[in-house]
PDB file of N, CA and C in Angstrom:
ATOM      1  N   MET A   1      43.361  22.404  16.575  1.00  0.00           N
ATOM      2  CA  MET A   1      42.618  21.675  16.834  1.00  0.00           C
ATOM      3  C   MET A   1      41.309  21.924  17.974  1.00  0.00           C
ATOM      4  N   ASN A   2      40.374  22.359  16.698  1.00  0.00           N
ATOM      5  CA  ASN A   2      39.537  22.643  17.797  1.00  0.00           C
ATOM      6  C   ASN A   2      38.184  21.259  17.793  1.00  0.00           C
ATOM      7  N   HIS A   3      37.864  21.490  19.346  1.00  0.00           N
ATOM      8  CA  HIS A   3      37.263  19.995  19.759  1.00  0.00           C
ATOM      9  C   HIS A   3      35.957  20.538  19.872  1.00  0.00           C
ATOM     10  N   TRP A   4      34.601  19.589  19.939  1.00  0.00           N
ATOM     11  CA  TRP A   4      33.357  20.717  19.472  1.00  0.00           C
ATOM     12  C   TRP A   4      32.805  19.786  20.748  1.00  0.00           C
ATOM     13  N   GLY A   5      32.442  21.057  21.973  1.00  0.00           N
ATOM     14  CA  GLY A   5      32.510  20.429  23.713  1.00  0.00           C
ATOM     15  C   GLY A   5      30.935  20.259  22.815  1.00  0.00           C
ATOM     16  N   LEU A   6      30.159  19.146  23.949  1.00  0.00           N
ATOM     17  CA  LEU A   6      28.575  19.060  24.306  1.00  0.00           C
ATOM     18  C   LEU A   6      27.946  19.762  23.767  1.00  0.00           C
ATOM     19  N   SER A   7      27.752  20.911  24.345  1.00  0.00           N
ATOM     20  CA  SER A   7      26.749  22.049  24.376  1.00  0.00           C
ATOM     21  C   SER A   7      26.399  22.693  22.662  1.00  0.00           C
ATOM     22  N   GLU A   8      27.719  22.213  21.872  1.00  0.00           N
ATOM     23  CA  GLU A   8      28.511  22.700  20.678  1.00  0.00           C
ATOM     24  C   GLU A   8      27.189  22.321  19.549  1.00  0.00           C
ATOM     25  N   VAL A   9      27.465  20.509  20.092  1.00  0.00           N
ATOM     26  CA  VAL A   9      26.786  19.232  19.311  1.00  0.00           C
ATOM     27  C   VAL A   9      24.787  19.244  19.372  1.00  0.00           C
ATOM     28  N   ASP A  10      24.766  19.878  21.375  1.00  0.00           N
ATOM     29  CA  ASP A  10      23.414  19.566  20.792  1.00  0.00           C
ATOM     30  C   ASP A  10      22.590  21.084  20.209  1.00  0.00           C
ATOM     31  N   THR A  11      23.132  21.671  20.506  1.00  0.00           N
ATOM     32  CA  THR A  11      22.630  23.224  19.961  1.00  0.00           C
ATOM     33  C   THR A  11      22.391  22.863  18.219  1.00  0.00           C
ATOM     34  N   ILE A  12      23.471  22.413  17.258  1.00  0.00           N
ATOM     35  CA  ILE A  12      23.392  21.436  15.722  1.00  0.00           C
ATOM     36  C   ILE A  12      22.246  20.948  15.813  1.00  0.00           C
ATOM     37  N   ILE A  13      22.393  20.201  16.835  1.00  0.00           N
ATOM     38  CA  ILE A  13      21.281  18.774  16.483  1.00  0.00           C
ATOM     39  C   ILE A  13      20.202  19.765  16.524  1.00  0.00           C
ATOM     40  N   SER A  14      19.669  20.357  17.996  1.00  0.00           N
ATOM     41  CA  SER A  14      18.744  20.853  18.257  1.00  0.00           C
ATOM     42  C   SER A  14      17.671  21.669  16.861  1.00  0.00           C
ATOM     43  N   ALA A  15      19.018  22.773  16.060  1.00  0.00           N
ATOM     44  CA  ALA A  15      18.799  23.396  14.976  1.00  0.00           C
ATOM     45  C   ALA A  15      18.297  22.522  13.848  1.00  0.00           C
ATOM     46  N   VAL A  16      19.162  21.078  13.501  1.00  0.00           N
ATOM     47  CA  VAL A  16      19.260  20.200  12.738  1.00  0.00           C
ATOM     48  C   VAL A  16      17.791  19.915  12.752  1.00  0.00           C
ATOM     49  N   GLY A  17      16.929  19.463  13.924  1.00  0.00           N
ATOM     50  CA  GLY A  17      16.024  18.820  14.321  1.00  0.00           C
ATOM     51  C   GLY A  17      14.487  19.887  14.219  1.00  0.00           C
ATOM     52  N   MET A  18      14.913  21.554  14.213  1.00  0.00           N
ATOM     53  CA  MET A  18      13.888  22.588  13.956  1.00  0.00           C
ATOM     54  C   MET A  18      14.391  22.852  12.639  1.00  0.00           C
ATOM     55  N   MET A  19      14.564  22.613  12.123  1.00  0.00           N
ATOM     56  CA  MET A  19      14.972  22.431   9.993  1.00  0.00           C
ATOM     57  C   MET A  19      14.067  21.446   9.765  1.00  0.00           C
ATOM     58  N   GLY A  20      13.764  20.683  10.282  1.00  0.00           N
ATOM     59  CA  GLY A  20      12.967  19.239   9.814  1.00  0.00           C
ATOM     60  C   GLY A  20      11.598  19.767  10.006  1.00  0.00           C
ATOM     61  N   ASP A  21      11.384  20.351  10.866  1.00  0.00           N
ATOM     62  CA  ASP A  21      10.365  20.329  11.952  1.00  0.00           C
ATOM     63  C   ASP A  21      10.165  21.751  10.710  1.00  0.00           C
ATOM     64  N   LEU A  22      10.708  22.625  10.514  1.00  0.00           N
ATOM     65  CA  LEU A  22      10.519  23.931  10.312  1.00  0.00           C
ATOM     66  C   LEU A  22      10.360  23.491   7.673  1.00  0.00           C
ATOM     67  N   ALA A  23      10.639  22.247   7.586  1.00  0.00           N
ATOM     68  CA  ALA A  23      10.391  21.322   6.494  1.00  0.00           C
ATOM     69  C   ALA A  23       9.058  21.009   6.321  1.00  0.00           C
ATOM     70  N   GLY A  24       8.702  20.230   7.298  1.00  0.00           N
ATOM     71  CA  GLY A  24       7.575  19.498   7.225  1.00  0.00           C
ATOM     72  C   GLY A  24       6.408  20.757   7.034  1.00  0.00           C
ATOM     73  N   VAL A  25       6.922  21.289   7.928  1.00  0.00           N
ATOM     74  CA  VAL A  25       5.300  22.253   7.992  1.00  0.00           C
ATOM     75  C   VAL A  25       4.945  23.188   6.254  1.00  0.00           C
ATOM     76  N   LEU A  26       6.346  23.659   5.656  1.00  0.00           N
ATOM     77  CA  LEU A  26       6.722  23.920   5.005  1.00  0.00           C
ATOM     78  C   LEU A  26       5.909  23.497   3.630  1.00  0.00           C
ATOM     79  N   ILE A  27       6.186  22.254   3.938  1.00  0.00           N
ATOM     80  CA  ILE A  27       5.612  21.184   2.536  1.00  0.00           C
ATOM     81  C   ILE A  27       4.353  20.995   2.473  1.00  0.00           C
ATOM     82  N   ILE A  28       3.483  21.026   3.639  1.00  0.00           N
ATOM     83  CA  ILE A  28       2.526  21.080   3.539  1.00  0.00           C
ATOM     84  C   ILE A  28       1.177  22.407   3.493  1.00  0.00           C
ATOM     85  N   ALA A  29       2.195  23.458   4.740  1.00  0.00           N
ATOM     86  CA  ALA A  29       1.351  24.815   4.164  1.00  0.00           C
ATOM     87  C   ALA A  29       1.096  24.536   2.079  1.00  0.00           C
ATOM     88  N   ILE A  30       3.057  24.416   1.942  1.00  0.00           N
ATOM     89  CA  ILE A  30       3.400  25.114  -0.130  1.00  0.00           C
ATOM     90  C   ILE A  30       2.298  23.739  -0.682  1.00  0.00           C
ATOM     91  N   GLY A  31       2.467  22.817   0.160  1.00  0.00           N
ATOM     92  CA  GLY A  31       1.352  22.269  -0.846  1.00  0.00           C
ATOM     93  C   GLY A  31       0.011  21.949  -0.530  1.00  0.00           C
ATOM     94  N   LEU A  32      -0.416  22.656   0.140  1.00  0.00           N
ATOM     95  CA  LEU A  32      -1.867  22.816   0.298  1.00  0.00           C
ATOM     96  C   LEU A  32      -2.241  23.813  -1.035  1.00  0.00           C
ATOM     97  N   ILE A  33      -1.580  24.722  -0.467  1.00  0.00           N
ATOM     98  CA  ILE A  33      -1.509  26.136  -1.653  1.00  0.00           C
ATOM     99  C   ILE A  33      -1.813  25.394  -3.224  1.00  0.00           C
ATOM    100  N   VAL A  34      -0.514  24.473  -3.248  1.00  0.00           N
ATOM    101  CA  VAL A  34      -0.483  23.968  -5.085  1.00  0.00           C
ATOM    102  C   VAL A  34      -1.478  22.980  -4.916  1.00  0.00           C
ATOM    103  N   VAL A  35      -1.780  21.900  -4.129  1.00  0.00           N
ATOM    104  CA  VAL A  35      -3.003  21.456  -4.607  1.00  0.00           C
ATOM    105  C   VAL A  35      -4.531  21.550  -4.919  1.00  0.00           C
ATOM    106  N   THR A  36      -4.566  22.853  -4.082  1.00  0.00           N
ATOM    107  CA  THR A  36      -5.838  23.736  -4.085  1.00  0.00           C
ATOM    108  C   THR A  36      -5.789  24.641  -5.380  1.00  0.00           C
ATOM    109  N   LEU A  37      -4.875  25.139  -5.395  1.00  0.00           N
ATOM    110  CA  LEU A  37      -4.804  25.822  -6.772  1.00  0.00           C
ATOM    111  C   LEU A  37      -5.086  24.926  -8.076  1.00  0.00           C
ATOM    112  N   ARG A  38      -4.318  23.583  -8.372  1.00  0.00           N
ATOM    113  CA  ARG A  38      -4.151  22.006  -8.802  1.00  0.00           C
ATOM    114  C   ARG A  38      -5.992  22.062  -9.172  1.00  0.00           C
ATOM    115  N   PHE A  39      -7.214  22.660  -7.887  1.00  0.00           N
ATOM    116  CA  PHE A  39      -8.176  21.464  -7.524  1.00  0.00           C
ATOM    117  C   PHE A  39      -9.098  22.925  -8.362  1.00  0.00           C
ATOM    118  N   PHE A  40      -9.055  24.189  -7.766  1.00  0.00           N
ATOM    119  CA  PHE A  40      -9.572  24.871  -8.885  1.00  0.00           C
ATOM    120  C   PHE A  40      -9.544  25.218 -10.769  1.00  0.00           C
ATOM    121  N   ARG A  41      -7.916  24.608 -10.331  1.00  0.00           N
ATOM    122  CA  ARG A  41      -7.992  24.647 -12.310  1.00  0.00           C
ATOM    123  C   ARG A  41      -9.130  23.176 -12.765  1.00  0.00           C
ATOM    124  N   ALA A  42      -8.794  22.082 -11.965  1.00  0.00           N
ATOM    125  CA  ALA A  42      -9.995  20.895 -12.599  1.00  0.00           C
ATOM    126  C   ALA A  42     -11.078  22.025 -12.850  1.00  0.00           C
ATOM    127  N   LEU A  43     -11.821  22.409 -11.604  1.00  0.00           N
ATOM    128  CA  LEU A  43     -12.866  23.072 -11.372  1.00  0.00           C
ATOM    129  C   LEU A  43     -13.529  23.482 -12.690  1.00  0.00           C
ATOM    130  N   ALA A  44     -12.387  24.469 -12.999  1.00  0.00           N
ATOM    131  CA  ALA A  44     -13.166  25.690 -13.932  1.00  0.00           C
ATOM    132  C   ALA A  44     -13.173  24.421 -15.155  1.00  0.00           C
ATOM    133  N   ILE A  45     -12.124  23.683 -15.380  1.00  0.00           N
ATOM    134  CA  ILE A  45     -13.065  22.621 -16.955  1.00  0.00           C
ATOM    135  C   ILE A  45     -13.169  22.068 -16.504  1.00  0.00           C
ATOM    136  N   ASN A  46     -14.064  21.744 -15.445  1.00  0.00           N
ATOM    137  CA  ASN A  46     -15.002  20.716 -15.465  1.00  0.00           C
ATOM    138  C   ASN A  46     -14.611  19.450 -15.000  1.00  0.00           C
ATOM    139  N   GLU A  47     -13.693  19.027 -14.561  1.00  0.00           N
ATOM    140  CA  GLU A  47     -13.149  17.675 -14.445  1.00  0.00           C
ATOM    141  C   GLU A  47     -13.910  17.383 -13.081  1.00  0.00           C
ATOM    142  N   ALA A  48     -14.591  16.146 -14.108  1.00  0.00           N
ATOM    143  CA  ALA A  48     -15.602  15.355 -13.352  1.00  0.00           C
ATOM    144  C   ALA A  48     -14.282  15.184 -11.861  1.00  0.00           C
ATOM    145  N   THR A  49     -12.909  14.395 -11.800  1.00  0.00           N
ATOM    146  CA  THR A  49     -12.339  13.944 -11.064  1.00  0.00           C
ATOM    147  C   THR A  49     -11.542  15.236 -10.232  1.00  0.00           C
ATOM    148  N   ALA A  50     -11.884  16.024 -10.049  1.00  0.00           N
ATOM    149  CA  ALA A  50     -11.215  17.569  -9.420  1.00  0.00           C
ATOM    150  C   ALA A  50     -11.143  17.300  -7.874  1.00  0.00           C
ATOM    151  N   TYR A  51     -12.291  16.913  -7.081  1.00  0.00           N
ATOM    152  CA  TYR A  51     -12.795  16.419  -5.780  1.00  0.00           C
ATOM    153  C   TYR A  51     -11.460  15.417  -5.191  1.00  0.00           C
ATOM    154  N   THR A  52     -11.932  14.251  -6.000  1.00  0.00           N
ATOM    155  CA  THR A  52     -11.165  13.632  -5.568  1.00  0.00           C
ATOM    156  C   THR A  52      -9.154  13.030  -6.015  1.00  0.00           C
ATOM    157  N   GLY A  53      -9.248  13.903  -7.315  1.00  0.00           N
ATOM    158  CA  GLY A  53      -7.767  14.115  -7.022  1.00  0.00           C
ATOM    159  C   GLY A  53      -7.048  15.711  -6.116  1.00  0.00           C
ATOM    160  N   TYR A  54      -8.084  16.480  -5.510  1.00  0.00           N
ATOM    161  CA  TYR A  54      -7.848  17.162  -4.365  1.00  0.00           C
ATOM    162  C   TYR A  54      -7.617  16.164  -3.135  1.00  0.00           C
ATOM    163  N   ARG A  55      -8.208  15.672  -2.954  1.00  0.00           N
ATOM    164  CA  ARG A  55      -8.144  14.828  -1.244  1.00  0.00           C
ATOM    165  C   ARG A  55      -7.201  14.275  -1.615  1.00  0.00           C
ATOM    166  N   SER A  56      -6.854  13.381  -2.645  1.00  0.00           N
ATOM    167  CA  SER A  56      -5.669  12.577  -2.789  1.00  0.00           C
ATOM    168  C   SER A  56      -4.195  13.738  -2.875  1.00  0.00           C
ATOM    169  N   GLY A  57      -4.419  14.516  -2.994  1.00  0.00           N
ATOM    170  CA  GLY A  57      -2.926  15.443  -2.819  1.00  0.00           C
ATOM    171  C   GLY A  57      -3.200  16.015  -1.803  1.00  0.00           C
ATOM    172  N   ILE A  58      -4.337  16.245  -0.898  1.00  0.00           N
ATOM    173  CA  ILE A  58      -3.785  17.045  -0.240  1.00  0.00           C
ATOM    174  C   ILE A  58      -3.387  15.631   1.538  1.00  0.00           C
ATOM    175  N   GLY A  59      -3.863  14.125   1.037  1.00  0.00           N
ATOM    176  CA  GLY A  59      -3.089  13.289   1.468  1.00  0.00           C
ATOM    177  C   GLY A  59      -1.487  13.187   1.492  1.00  0.00           C
ATOM    178  N   ARG A  60      -1.466  13.313  -0.085  1.00  0.00           N
ATOM    179  CA  ARG A  60       0.178  13.057  -0.560  1.00  0.00           C
ATOM    180  C   ARG A  60       0.921  13.922   0.307  1.00  0.00           C
ATOM    181  N   THR A  61       0.695  15.142   0.370  1.00  0.00           N
ATOM    182  CA  THR A  61       0.781  16.380   1.194  1.00  0.00           C
ATOM    183  C   THR A  61       1.196  16.229   2.366  1.00  0.00           C
ATOM    184  N   LEU A  62      -0.157  15.892   3.541  1.00  0.00           N
ATOM    185  CA  LEU A  62       0.330  15.042   4.901  1.00  0.00           C
ATOM    186  C   LEU A  62       0.967  14.352   5.104  1.00  0.00           C
ATOM    187  N   LEU A  63       0.930  13.722   4.624  1.00  0.00           N
ATOM    188  CA  LEU A  63       1.751  12.372   4.631  1.00  0.00           C
ATOM    189  C   LEU A  63       3.499  12.370   4.173  1.00  0.00           C
ATOM    190  N   LEU A  64       3.521  13.310   3.405  1.00  0.00           N
ATOM    191  CA  LEU A  64       4.819  13.947   3.174  1.00  0.00           C
ATOM    192  C   LEU A  64       5.942  15.569   4.219  1.00  0.00           C
ATOM    193  N   GLY A  65       4.970  15.977   4.402  1.00  0.00           N
ATOM    194  CA  GLY A  65       5.045  16.241   5.679  1.00  0.00           C
ATOM    195  C   GLY A  65       5.148  15.931   6.946  1.00  0.00           C
ATOM    196  N   LEU A  66       4.362  14.954   7.152  1.00  0.00           N
ATOM    197  CA  LEU A  66       4.143  14.075   8.474  1.00  0.00           C
ATOM    198  C   LEU A  66       5.389  13.206   8.644  1.00  0.00           C
ATOM    199  N   GLU A  67       6.347  13.013   7.665  1.00  0.00           N
ATOM    200  CA  GLU A  67       7.812  12.439   6.898  1.00  0.00           C
ATOM    201  C   GLU A  67       8.599  12.726   7.938  1.00  0.00           C
ATOM    202  N   PHE A  68       8.736  14.306   7.740  1.00  0.00           N
ATOM    203  CA  PHE A  68       9.596  15.193   7.886  1.00  0.00           C
ATOM    204  C   PHE A  68       9.449  15.500   9.395  1.00  0.00           C
ATOM    205  N   LEU A  69       8.340  16.176   9.913  1.00  0.00           N
ATOM    206  CA  LEU A  69       7.925  16.307  11.737  1.00  0.00           C
ATOM    207  C   LEU A  69       8.700  15.418  12.691  1.00  0.00           C
ATOM    208  N   VAL A  70       8.000  13.574  11.266  1.00  0.00           N
ATOM    209  CA  VAL A  70       8.307  12.438  12.072  1.00  0.00           C
ATOM    210  C   VAL A  70      10.093  12.108  12.562  1.00  0.00           C
ATOM    211  N   ALA A  71      10.706  12.176  11.183  1.00  0.00           N
ATOM    212  CA  ALA A  71      12.263  12.529  11.284  1.00  0.00           C
ATOM    213  C   ALA A  71      12.698  13.702  12.134  1.00  0.00           C
ATOM    214  N   ALA A  72      12.408  14.845  12.504  1.00  0.00           N
ATOM    215  CA  ALA A  72      12.666  16.157  13.388  1.00  0.00           C
ATOM    216  C   ALA A  72      12.282  15.269  14.530  1.00  0.00           C
ATOM    217  N   ASP A  73      11.439  14.818  15.111  1.00  0.00           N
ATOM    218  CA  ASP A  73      11.060  14.206  16.065  1.00  0.00           C
ATOM    219  C   ASP A  73      12.516  13.610  16.483  1.00  0.00           C
ATOM    220  N   ILE A  74      13.103  12.617  15.905  1.00  0.00           N
ATOM    221  CA  ILE A  74      13.283  11.424  15.849  1.00  0.00           C
ATOM    222  C   ILE A  74      14.665  12.150  16.927  1.00  0.00           C
ATOM    223  N   ILE A  75      15.585  12.844  15.611  1.00  0.00           N
ATOM    224  CA  ILE A  75      16.812  13.526  15.491  1.00  0.00           C
ATOM    225  C   ILE A  75      16.882  14.304  16.642  1.00  0.00           C
ATOM    226  N   ARG A  76      15.655  15.043  17.730  1.00  0.00           N
ATOM    227  CA  ARG A  76      15.777  15.539  18.580  1.00  0.00           C
ATOM    228  C   ARG A  76      16.322  14.585  19.434  1.00  0.00           C
ATOM    229  N   THR A  77      15.266  13.709  19.500  1.00  0.00           N
ATOM    230  CA  THR A  77      15.030  12.864  20.959  1.00  0.00           C
ATOM    231  C   THR A  77      16.206  11.484  20.858  1.00  0.00           C
ATOM    232  N   VAL A  78      16.703  11.467  20.033  1.00  0.00           N
ATOM    233  CA  VAL A  78      17.783  10.388  19.974  1.00  0.00           C
ATOM    234  C   VAL A  78      19.069  10.472  19.997  1.00  0.00           C
ATOM    235  N   ALA A  79      19.060  11.788  19.185  1.00  0.00           N
ATOM    236  CA  ALA A  79      20.408  12.266  19.203  1.00  0.00           C
ATOM    237  C   ALA A  79      21.130  12.889  20.413  1.00  0.00           C
ATOM    238  N   THR A  80      20.241  13.326  21.559  1.00  0.00           N
ATOM    239  CA  THR A  80      21.033  14.105  22.558  1.00  0.00           C
ATOM    240  C   THR A  80      20.361  13.143  23.158  1.00  0.00           C
ATOM    241  N   THR A  81      20.554  13.277  24.182  1.00  0.00           N
ATOM    242  CA  THR A  81      20.439  12.282  25.552  1.00  0.00           C
ATOM    243  C   THR A  81      19.285  12.189  26.252  1.00  0.00           C
ATOM    244  N   PRO A  82      18.977  10.606  25.430  1.00  0.00           N
ATOM    245  CA  PRO A  82      17.626  10.504  25.837  1.00  0.00           C
ATOM    246  C   PRO A  82      17.311   9.886  26.831  1.00  0.00           C
ATOM    247  N   THR A  83      16.263  10.274  27.437  1.00  0.00           N
ATOM    248  CA  THR A  83      15.495   9.537  28.692  1.00  0.00           C
ATOM    249  C   THR A  83      14.440   8.420  28.323  1.00  0.00           C
ATOM    250  N   PHE A  84      14.148   7.364  30.040  1.00  0.00           N
ATOM    251  CA  PHE A  84      12.572   7.468  29.643  1.00  0.00           C
ATOM    252  C   PHE A  84      11.935   8.023  29.497  1.00  0.00           C
ATOM    253  N   THR A  85      10.679   9.168  29.637  1.00  0.00           N
ATOM    254  CA  THR A  85      10.174   9.762  29.598  1.00  0.00           C
ATOM    255  C   THR A  85      10.323  10.350  27.471  1.00  0.00           C
ATOM    256  N   SER A  86      11.063  11.118  27.673  1.00  0.00           N
ATOM    257  CA  SER A  86      11.555  11.952  26.229  1.00  0.00           C
ATOM    258  C   SER A  86      11.330  10.521  24.981  1.00  0.00           C
ATOM    259  N   VAL A  87      12.336  10.046  25.228  1.00  0.00           N
ATOM    260  CA  VAL A  87      11.681   8.089  24.207  1.00  0.00           C
ATOM    261  C   VAL A  87       9.977   7.493  24.807  1.00  0.00           C
ATOM    262  N   GLY A  88       9.583   7.853  25.347  1.00  0.00           N
ATOM    263  CA  GLY A  88       8.111   7.028  25.595  1.00  0.00           C
ATOM    264  C   GLY A  88       7.011   7.789  24.935  1.00  0.00           C
ATOM    265  N   VAL A  89       8.149   9.693  24.985  1.00  0.00           N
ATOM    266  CA  VAL A  89       6.603  10.312  24.467  1.00  0.00           C
ATOM    267  C   VAL A  89       7.187  10.290  22.690  1.00  0.00           C
ATOM    268  N   LEU A  90       8.832  10.436  22.257  1.00  0.00           N
ATOM    269  CA  LEU A  90       8.633  10.347  21.035  1.00  0.00           C
ATOM    270  C   LEU A  90       8.208   8.661  20.385  1.00  0.00           C
ATOM    271  N   ALA A  91       8.142   7.362  21.079  1.00  0.00           N
ATOM    272  CA  ALA A  91       7.270   6.633  21.206  1.00  0.00           C
ATOM    273  C   ALA A  91       5.916   6.619  20.759  1.00  0.00           C
ATOM    274  N   ALA A  92       4.843   7.600  21.619  1.00  0.00           N
ATOM    275  CA  ALA A  92       3.638   7.729  22.059  1.00  0.00           C
ATOM    276  C   ALA A  92       3.261   8.822  20.236  1.00  0.00           C
ATOM    277  N   ILE A  93       4.270   9.889  19.933  1.00  0.00           N
ATOM    278  CA  ILE A  93       4.260  11.051  18.707  1.00  0.00           C
ATOM    279  C   ILE A  93       4.224   9.966  17.658  1.00  0.00           C
ATOM    280  N   VAL A  94       4.736   9.079  17.102  1.00  0.00           N
ATOM    281  CA  VAL A  94       5.373   8.230  16.213  1.00  0.00           C
ATOM    282  C   VAL A  94       4.225   7.466  16.128  1.00  0.00           C
ATOM    283  N   ALA A  95       3.794   6.016  17.333  1.00  0.00           N
ATOM    284  CA  ALA A  95       2.875   5.583  17.100  1.00  0.00           C
ATOM    285  C   ALA A  95       1.263   6.516  16.321  1.00  0.00           C
ATOM    286  N   ILE A  96       1.319   7.113  16.988  1.00  0.00           N
ATOM    287  CA  ILE A  96       0.328   8.334  16.773  1.00  0.00           C
ATOM    288  C   ILE A  96      -0.237   8.931  14.715  1.00  0.00           C
ATOM    289  N   ARG A  97       1.544   9.410  14.680  1.00  0.00           N
ATOM    290  CA  ARG A  97       1.852   9.915  13.059  1.00  0.00           C
ATOM    291  C   ARG A  97       1.552   8.432  12.210  1.00  0.00           C
ATOM    292  N   THR A  98       1.930   7.562  12.847  1.00  0.00           N
ATOM    293  CA  THR A  98       2.188   6.082  12.083  1.00  0.00           C
ATOM    294  C   THR A  98       1.201   5.841  11.341  1.00  0.00           C
ATOM    295  N   PHE A  99       0.347   5.921  12.510  1.00  0.00           N
ATOM    296  CA  PHE A  99      -1.585   5.752  12.172  1.00  0.00           C
ATOM    297  C   PHE A  99      -2.152   6.208  11.334  1.00  0.00           C
ATOM    298  N   LEU A 100      -1.927   7.769  11.652  1.00  0.00           N
ATOM    299  CA  LEU A 100      -1.818   9.486  10.598  1.00  0.00           C
ATOM    300  C   LEU A 100      -1.978   8.603   9.736  1.00  0.00           C
ATOM    301  N   SER A 101      -0.365   8.326   9.134  1.00  0.00           N
ATOM    302  CA  SER A 101       0.020   7.498   8.267  1.00  0.00           C
ATOM    303  C   SER A 101      -0.659   6.681   6.847  1.00  0.00           C
ATOM    304  N   TRP A 102      -0.727   5.729   8.086  1.00  0.00           N
ATOM    305  CA  TRP A 102      -1.858   4.391   7.194  1.00  0.00           C
ATOM    306  C   TRP A 102      -3.475   5.346   6.743  1.00  0.00           C
ATOM    307  N   SER A 103      -3.950   6.087   7.860  1.00  0.00           N
ATOM    308  CA  SER A 103      -4.939   6.074   7.232  1.00  0.00           C
ATOM    309  C   SER A 103      -5.079   6.978   5.969  1.00  0.00           C
ATOM    310  N   LEU A 104      -4.179   7.717   6.438  1.00  0.00           N
ATOM    311  CA  LEU A 104      -4.182   8.982   4.806  1.00  0.00           C
ATOM    312  C   LEU A 104      -3.967   7.683   3.448  1.00  0.00           C
ATOM    313  N   GLN A 105      -2.949   6.055   3.407  1.00  0.00           N
ATOM    314  CA  GLN A 105      -2.587   5.688   2.239  1.00  0.00           C
ATOM    315  C   GLN A 105      -3.564   4.834   2.571  1.00  0.00           C
ATOM    316  N   LEU A 106      -4.553   4.595   3.113  1.00  0.00           N
ATOM    317  CA  LEU A 106      -5.813   3.896   2.809  1.00  0.00           C
ATOM    318  C   LEU A 106      -6.803   4.685   1.783  1.00  0.00           C
ATOM    319  N   GLU A 107      -6.143   6.378   2.728  1.00  0.00           N
ATOM    320  CA  GLU A 107      -7.922   7.203   1.848  1.00  0.00           C
ATOM    321  C   GLU A 107      -7.061   7.594   0.277  1.00  0.00           C
ATOM    322  N   ILE A 108      -6.241   7.761   0.172  1.00  0.00           N
ATOM    323  CA  ILE A 108      -5.387   7.816  -0.643  1.00  0.00           C
ATOM    324  C   ILE A 108      -5.457   6.237  -1.592  1.00  0.00           C
ATOM    325  N   GLU A 109      -5.045   5.318  -1.497  1.00  0.00           N
ATOM    326  CA  GLU A 109      -5.381   4.261  -2.400  1.00  0.00           C
ATOM    327  C   GLU A 109      -5.539   2.839  -2.081  1.00  0.00           C
ATOM    328  N   GLY A 110      -6.657   3.064  -1.532  1.00  0.00           N
ATOM    329  CA  GLY A 110      -7.600   2.380  -0.900  1.00  0.00           C
ATOM    330  C   GLY A 110      -7.298   1.053  -0.561  1.00  0.00           C
ATOM    331  N   ARG A 111      -6.064   1.048   0.072  1.00  0.00           N
ATOM    332  CA  ARG A 111      -5.001  -0.626   0.604  1.00  0.00           C
ATOM    333  C   ARG A 111      -4.447  -0.054   1.672  1.00  0.00           C
ATOM    334  N   TRP A 112      -4.307  -1.126   2.327  1.00  0.00           N
ATOM    335  CA  TRP A 112      -3.536  -1.247   3.620  1.00  0.00           C
ATOM    336  C   TRP A 112      -1.766  -1.019   3.010  1.00  0.00           C
ATOM    337  N   PRO A 113      -0.487  -0.212   3.621  1.00  0.00           N
ATOM    338  CA  PRO A 113       0.832   0.257   2.956  1.00  0.00           C
ATOM    339  C   PRO A 113       1.242  -1.476   2.721  1.00  0.00           C
ATOM    340  N   TRP A 114       0.987  -2.957   3.287  1.00  0.00           N
ATOM    341  CA  TRP A 114       1.319  -3.685   3.405  1.00  0.00           C
ATOM    342  C   TRP A 114       1.198  -4.837   2.462  1.00  0.00           C
ATOM    343  N   GLN A 115      -0.704  -4.255   2.112  1.00  0.00           N
ATOM    344  CA  GLN A 115      -1.074  -4.879   0.882  1.00  0.00           C
ATOM    345  C   GLN A 115      -0.780  -4.700  -0.240  1.00  0.00           C
ATOM    346  N   ALA A 116      -1.102  -5.819  -1.108  1.00  0.00           N
ATOM    347  CA  ALA A 116      -0.300  -5.591  -1.835  1.00  0.00           C
ATOM    348  C   ALA A 116      -0.959  -4.762  -2.690  1.00  0.00           C
ATOM    349  N   ARG A 117      -0.566  -3.893  -4.279  1.00  0.00           N
ATOM    350  CA  ARG A 117      -1.250  -2.964  -5.406  1.00  0.00           C
ATOM    351  C   ARG A 117      -2.264  -4.201  -6.241  1.00  0.00           C
ATOM    352  N   THR A 118      -3.032  -3.480  -6.443  1.00  0.00           N
ATOM    353  CA  THR A 118      -4.428  -4.694  -7.248  1.00  0.00           C
ATOM    354  C   THR A 118      -3.525  -3.824  -8.334  1.00  0.00           C
ATOM    355  N   THR A 119      -3.882  -4.706  -9.943  1.00  0.00           N
ATOM    356  CA  THR A 119      -4.272  -3.535 -11.233  1.00  0.00           C
ATOM    357  C   THR A 119      -4.955  -3.132 -11.916  1.00  0.00           C
ATOM    358  N   LYS A 120      -4.737  -2.933 -12.853  1.00  0.00           N
ATOM    359  CA  LYS A 120      -6.232  -3.107 -13.802  1.00  0.00           C
ATOM    360  C   LYS A 120      -6.990  -3.617 -14.521  1.00  0.00           C
ATOM    361  N   GLN A 121      -5.691  -5.049 -14.372  1.00  0.00           N
ATOM    362  CA  GLN A 121      -6.670  -5.872 -14.535  1.00  0.00           C
ATOM    363  C   GLN A 121      -7.182  -7.026 -13.928  1.00  0.00           C
ATOM    364  N   ASP A 122      -6.887  -6.440 -12.607  1.00  0.00           N
ATOM    365  CA  ASP A 122      -8.070  -7.731 -11.903  1.00  0.00           C
ATOM    366  C   ASP A 122      -8.802  -6.541 -11.852  1.00  0.00           C
ATOM    367  N   GLY A 123      -9.662  -5.316 -12.352  1.00  0.00           N
ATOM    368  CA  GLY A 123     -10.741  -5.494 -11.663  1.00  0.00           C
ATOM    369  C   GLY A 123     -11.015  -4.344 -11.390  1.00  0.00           C
ATOM    370  N   ASN A 124     -10.279  -3.930 -10.490  1.00  0.00           N
ATOM    371  CA  ASN A 124     -10.620  -3.583  -8.611  1.00  0.00           C
ATOM    372  C   ASN A 124      -9.597  -2.220  -8.794  1.00  0.00           C
ATOM    373  N   ALA A 125      -9.210  -1.742  -9.566  1.00  0.00           N
ATOM    374  CA  ALA A 125      -7.989   0.306  -9.560  1.00  0.00           C
ATOM    375  C   ALA A 125      -9.220   0.384 -10.143  1.00  0.00           C
TER     376      ALA A 125
END
């Protein structure tokens, strides 16, 4: 029976964290390319909403990528032997990324994440 040692588990956790980072970066990079191509296509047909759609697409891409980056940071910090310093750094990173996420959502949807969605019937959409 094969028992995994601590070093093997740490190596796997580190690899999973790096894959999360890579996924987050790829999502942002590929998303920006796709959104930019859609923007130029919308401009080519004189779509009046091309710019707002572009900003919204960039925001959504960044939000998704940030979620992966935060998850990777959490995996690496919590799954390994956490210290007060590493948990403090993680808390700061998560706070900054949470603020960025909330700011992006405000830009995209015109409301804070905890506010109820408005409908077109309300006249505010």
